[in-house]
C-alpha atoms as a PDB file:
ATOM      1  CA  MET A   1     -18.312  21.640  11.796  1.00  0.00           C
ATOM      2  CA  THR A   2     -15.961  19.845   8.922  1.00  0.00           C
ATOM      3  CA  GLU A   3     -17.391  17.303   6.943  1.00  0.00           C
ATOM      4  CA  LYS A   4     -15.245  13.743   6.850  1.00  0.00           C
ATOM      5  CA  LYS A   5     -14.837  12.399   3.734  1.00  0.00           C
ATOM      6  CA  THR A   6     -15.688   8.814   3.074  1.00  0.00           C
ATOM      7  CA  ILE A   7     -14.819   6.361   0.368  1.00  0.00           C
ATOM      8  CA  GLY A   8     -17.214   3.368   0.377  1.00  0.00           C
ATOM      9  CA  SER A   9     -17.175   2.644   4.061  1.00  0.00           C
ATOM     10  CA  TYR A  10     -13.828   4.105   4.904  1.00  0.00           C
ATOM     11  CA  THR A  11     -12.743   7.661   6.418  1.00  0.00           C
ATOM     12  CA  LEU A  12     -10.177   9.262   5.327  1.00  0.00           C
ATOM     13  CA  ALA A  13      -7.797  10.589   8.080  1.00  0.00           C
ATOM     14  CA  GLU A  14      -4.496  11.923   6.381  1.00  0.00           C
ATOM     15  CA  GLN A  15      -2.253  11.519   3.161  1.00  0.00           C
ATOM     16  CA  ILE A  16       0.485   9.348   3.868  1.00  0.00           C
ATOM     17  CA  GLY A  17       2.288   8.933   0.710  1.00  0.00           C
ATOM     18  CA  GLU A  18       2.523   9.534  -3.034  1.00  0.00           C
ATOM     19  CA  GLY A  19       3.967   8.080  -5.834  1.00  0.00           C
ATOM     20  CA  GLY A  20       3.510   8.758  -9.974  1.00  0.00           C
ATOM     21  CA  MET A  21       0.677   6.617 -10.396  1.00  0.00           C
ATOM     22  CA  ALA A  22      -1.387   6.934  -7.368  1.00  0.00           C
ATOM     23  CA  THR A  23      -1.777   8.797  -3.556  1.00  0.00           C
ATOM     24  CA  ILE A  24      -1.822   6.580  -0.033  1.00  0.00           C
ATOM     25  CA  TYR A  25      -4.258   7.980   2.729  1.00  0.00           C
ATOM     26  CA  LYS A  26      -4.463   6.655   5.797  1.00  0.00           C
ATOM     27  CA  ALA A  27      -8.400   6.179   6.751  1.00  0.00           C
ATOM     28  CA  LYS A  28     -10.433   3.569   9.102  1.00  0.00           C
ATOM     29  CA  HIS A  29     -13.413   1.595   8.445  1.00  0.00           C
ATOM     30  CA  GLU A  30     -16.015   2.786  10.721  1.00  0.00           C
ATOM     31  CA  ILE A  31     -17.791  -0.360  11.264  1.00  0.00           C
ATOM     32  CA  LEU A  32     -14.773  -2.278  12.222  1.00  0.00           C
ATOM     33  CA  ASN A  33     -12.751  -0.050  14.081  1.00  0.00           C
ATOM     34  CA  ARG A  34      -9.912  -0.408  11.862  1.00  0.00           C
ATOM     35  CA  ASP A  35      -7.129   1.655  10.232  1.00  0.00           C
ATOM     36  CA  VAL A  36      -6.667   0.844   6.306  1.00  0.00           C
ATOM     37  CA  ALA A  37      -4.484   2.231   4.140  1.00  0.00           C
ATOM     38  CA  ILE A  38      -5.962   3.560   0.581  1.00  0.00           C
ATOM     39  CA  LYS A  39      -4.103   3.814  -2.833  1.00  0.00           C
ATOM     40  CA  LYS A  40      -6.413   6.513  -4.809  1.00  0.00           C
ATOM     41  CA  LEU A  41      -5.296   5.941  -8.429  1.00  0.00           C
ATOM     42  CA  LYS A  42      -4.460   9.071  -9.566  1.00  0.00           C
ATOM     43  CA  SER A  43      -4.943   9.420 -13.555  1.00  0.00           C
ATOM     44  CA  PRO A  44      -8.243   7.654 -14.247  1.00  0.00           C
ATOM     45  CA  SER A  45      -6.337   6.557 -17.800  1.00  0.00           C
ATOM     46  CA  LYS A  46      -6.855   4.012 -19.672  1.00  0.00           C
ATOM     47  CA  GLU A  47      -3.630   2.255 -19.315  1.00  0.00           C
ATOM     48  CA  ALA A  48      -3.686   3.289 -15.994  1.00  0.00           C
ATOM     49  CA  THR A  49      -6.187   1.790 -14.848  1.00  0.00           C
ATOM     50  CA  SER A  50      -5.890  -2.061 -16.844  1.00  0.00           C
ATOM     51  CA  ARG A  51      -2.696  -1.327 -14.406  1.00  0.00           C
ATOM     52  CA  PHE A  52      -4.235  -0.830 -11.369  1.00  0.00           C
ATOM     53  CA  HIS A  53      -6.756  -3.145 -11.842  1.00  0.00           C
ATOM     54  CA  LYS A  54      -4.114  -5.664 -12.754  1.00  0.00           C
ATOM     55  CA  GLU A  55      -2.108  -4.480  -9.300  1.00  0.00           C
ATOM     56  CA  ALA A  56      -5.652  -4.828  -7.414  1.00  0.00           C
ATOM     57  CA  ARG A  57      -6.248  -8.711  -8.802  1.00  0.00           C
ATOM     58  CA  LEU A  58      -2.359 -10.242  -8.059  1.00  0.00           C
ATOM     59  CA  SER A  59      -2.102  -8.296  -5.105  1.00  0.00           C
ATOM     60  CA  ALA A  60      -4.829  -9.580  -3.690  1.00  0.00           C
ATOM     61  CA  LYS A  61      -3.678 -13.319  -4.028  1.00  0.00           C
ATOM     62  CA  LEU A  62      -0.936 -12.768  -2.004  1.00  0.00           C
ATOM     63  CA  ASN A  63      -0.733 -13.849   2.017  1.00  0.00           C
ATOM     64  CA  HIS A  64       2.630 -13.551   3.533  1.00  0.00           C
ATOM     65  CA  GLU A  65       3.760 -11.642   6.621  1.00  0.00           C
ATOM     66  CA  ASN A  66       6.296  -9.617   4.579  1.00  0.00           C
ATOM     67  CA  VAL A  67       3.747  -7.928   2.104  1.00  0.00           C
ATOM     68  CA  VAL A  68       0.557  -5.868   2.826  1.00  0.00           C
ATOM     69  CA  SER A  69      -2.478  -7.563   2.854  1.00  0.00           C
ATOM     70  CA  ILE A  70      -5.176  -6.123  -0.003  1.00  0.00           C
ATOM     71  CA  TYR A  71      -9.023  -6.067   1.861  1.00  0.00           C
ATOM     72  CA  ASP A  72     -10.647  -4.507  -0.574  1.00  0.00           C
ATOM     73  CA  PHE A  73     -11.043  -2.570  -4.364  1.00  0.00           C
ATOM     74  CA  VAL A  74     -13.695   0.419  -4.467  1.00  0.00           C
ATOM     75  CA  LYS A  75     -14.979   2.173  -7.866  1.00  0.00           C
ATOM     76  CA  GLU A  76     -16.695   6.290  -6.727  1.00  0.00           C
ATOM     77  CA  ALA A  77     -17.720   7.838 -10.064  1.00  0.00           C
ATOM     78  CA  ARG A  78     -14.183   8.090 -12.511  1.00  0.00           C
ATOM     79  CA  SER A  79     -12.394   7.304  -8.889  1.00  0.00           C
ATOM     80  CA  GLN A  80     -11.111   3.155  -8.194  1.00  0.00           C
ATOM     81  CA  TYR A  81      -9.473   2.667  -4.565  1.00  0.00           C
ATOM     82  CA  LEU A  82      -6.864  -0.116  -3.156  1.00  0.00           C
ATOM     83  CA  ILE A  83      -7.997  -0.568   0.170  1.00  0.00           C
ATOM     84  CA  MET A  84      -4.794  -2.108   2.098  1.00  0.00           C
ATOM     85  CA  GLU A  85      -3.655  -3.344   5.200  1.00  0.00           C
ATOM     86  CA  TYR A  86      -2.094  -0.126   7.315  1.00  0.00           C
ATOM     87  CA  ILE A  87       1.151  -0.989   8.904  1.00  0.00           C
ATOM     88  CA  ASP A  88       1.947   1.632  11.374  1.00  0.00           C
ATOM     89  CA  GLY A  89       5.463   2.786  12.491  1.00  0.00           C
ATOM     90  CA  ILE A  90       8.210   4.338  10.753  1.00  0.00           C
ATOM     91  CA  ASP A  91       8.927   3.556   6.686  1.00  0.00           C
ATOM     92  CA  LEU A  92      12.381   2.370   5.921  1.00  0.00           C
ATOM     93  CA  ARG A  93      12.886   5.762   4.101  1.00  0.00           C
ATOM     94  CA  SER A  94      12.957   7.821   7.281  1.00  0.00           C
ATOM     95  CA  ILE A  95      14.628   5.114   9.421  1.00  0.00           C
ATOM     96  CA  LEU A  96      17.935   5.884   6.527  1.00  0.00           C
ATOM     97  CA  GLU A  97      17.558   9.205   6.922  1.00  0.00           C
ATOM     98  CA  PHE A  98      17.749   8.831  11.092  1.00  0.00           C
ATOM     99  CA  GLU A  99      19.847   6.875  11.123  1.00  0.00           C
ATOM    100  CA  SER A 100      22.568   5.733   8.424  1.00  0.00           C
ATOM    101  CA  PRO A 101      24.548   3.774   7.583  1.00  0.00           C
ATOM    102  CA  LEU A 102      22.353   1.281   9.472  1.00  0.00           C
ATOM    103  CA  PRO A 103      24.082  -1.422  11.687  1.00  0.00           C
ATOM    104  CA  PRO A 104      25.137  -4.599   9.373  1.00  0.00           C
ATOM    105  CA  VAL A 105      22.918  -7.060  11.573  1.00  0.00           C
ATOM    106  CA  GLN A 106      20.242  -4.652  11.342  1.00  0.00           C
ATOM    107  CA  ALA A 107      20.673  -3.977   7.299  1.00  0.00           C
ATOM    108  CA  ALA A 108      20.376  -7.669   6.866  1.00  0.00           C
ATOM    109  CA  ARG A 109      17.399  -8.219   8.902  1.00  0.00           C
ATOM    110  CA  ILE A 110      15.509  -5.529   6.796  1.00  0.00           C
ATOM    111  CA  VAL A 111      16.862  -7.004   3.999  1.00  0.00           C
ATOM    112  CA  LEU A 112      16.332 -10.739   4.550  1.00  0.00           C
ATOM    113  CA  GLN A 113      12.030  -9.767   4.784  1.00  0.00           C
ATOM    114  CA  ILE A 114      12.125  -7.770   2.025  1.00  0.00           C
ATOM    115  CA  ALA A 115      13.496 -10.643  -0.103  1.00  0.00           C
ATOM    116  CA  MET A 116      11.338 -12.829   1.660  1.00  0.00           C
ATOM    117  CA  GLY A 117       8.382 -11.007   0.798  1.00  0.00           C
ATOM    118  CA  LEU A 118       9.816 -10.867  -3.226  1.00  0.00           C
ATOM    119  CA  GLU A 119      10.357 -14.498  -3.228  1.00  0.00           C
ATOM    120  CA  PHE A 120       6.613 -15.102  -1.777  1.00  0.00           C
ATOM    121  CA  ALA A 121       5.632 -12.572  -4.802  1.00  0.00           C
ATOM    122  CA  HIS A 122       8.069 -14.258  -7.721  1.00  0.00           C
ATOM    123  CA  LEU A 123       7.391 -17.798  -6.808  1.00  0.00           C
ATOM    124  CA  ARG A 124       3.723 -16.843  -7.586  1.00  0.00           C
ATOM    125  CA  GLY A 125       4.783 -15.165 -10.892  1.00  0.00           C
ATOM    126  CA  ILE A 126       4.198 -11.487  -9.395  1.00  0.00           C
ATOM    127  CA  ILE A 127       7.701  -9.189 -10.631  1.00  0.00           C
ATOM    128  CA  HIS A 128       7.741  -6.033  -8.091  1.00  0.00           C
ATOM    129  CA  ARG A 129       8.624  -3.695 -10.842  1.00  0.00           C
ATOM    130  CA  ASP A 130       9.036  -0.138  -8.210  1.00  0.00           C
ATOM    131  CA  ILE A 131      10.947  -1.253  -4.946  1.00  0.00           C
ATOM    132  CA  LYS A 132      12.809   1.636  -3.588  1.00  0.00           C
END
């Protein structure tokens, strides 16, 4: 029997993404029976940790339909995790790989949703520095 990896109250299911600063996992909060995304800081250097903490504090202040919600922040030993809303579906990169170029109306709807989320953050003094 394989032991399940847990982080706090969350059981990891699978890795779903990776960036320069963090790895993203799909997980489940077992008591609440809710899927979440967990962002694990890769390098616990002083600078990276400071940026990760700042991201968590700023992101937690945002509540908008076009911005992922932050649920929790967990520290275990030297590892740090940001617990976020899990959005089930196809990411934009996959959509573009499957159907590119997009029909103009569909592209405009997507860009509008992105712009609305960014505007919400910008009006609160938060600038996203990693738009892809």
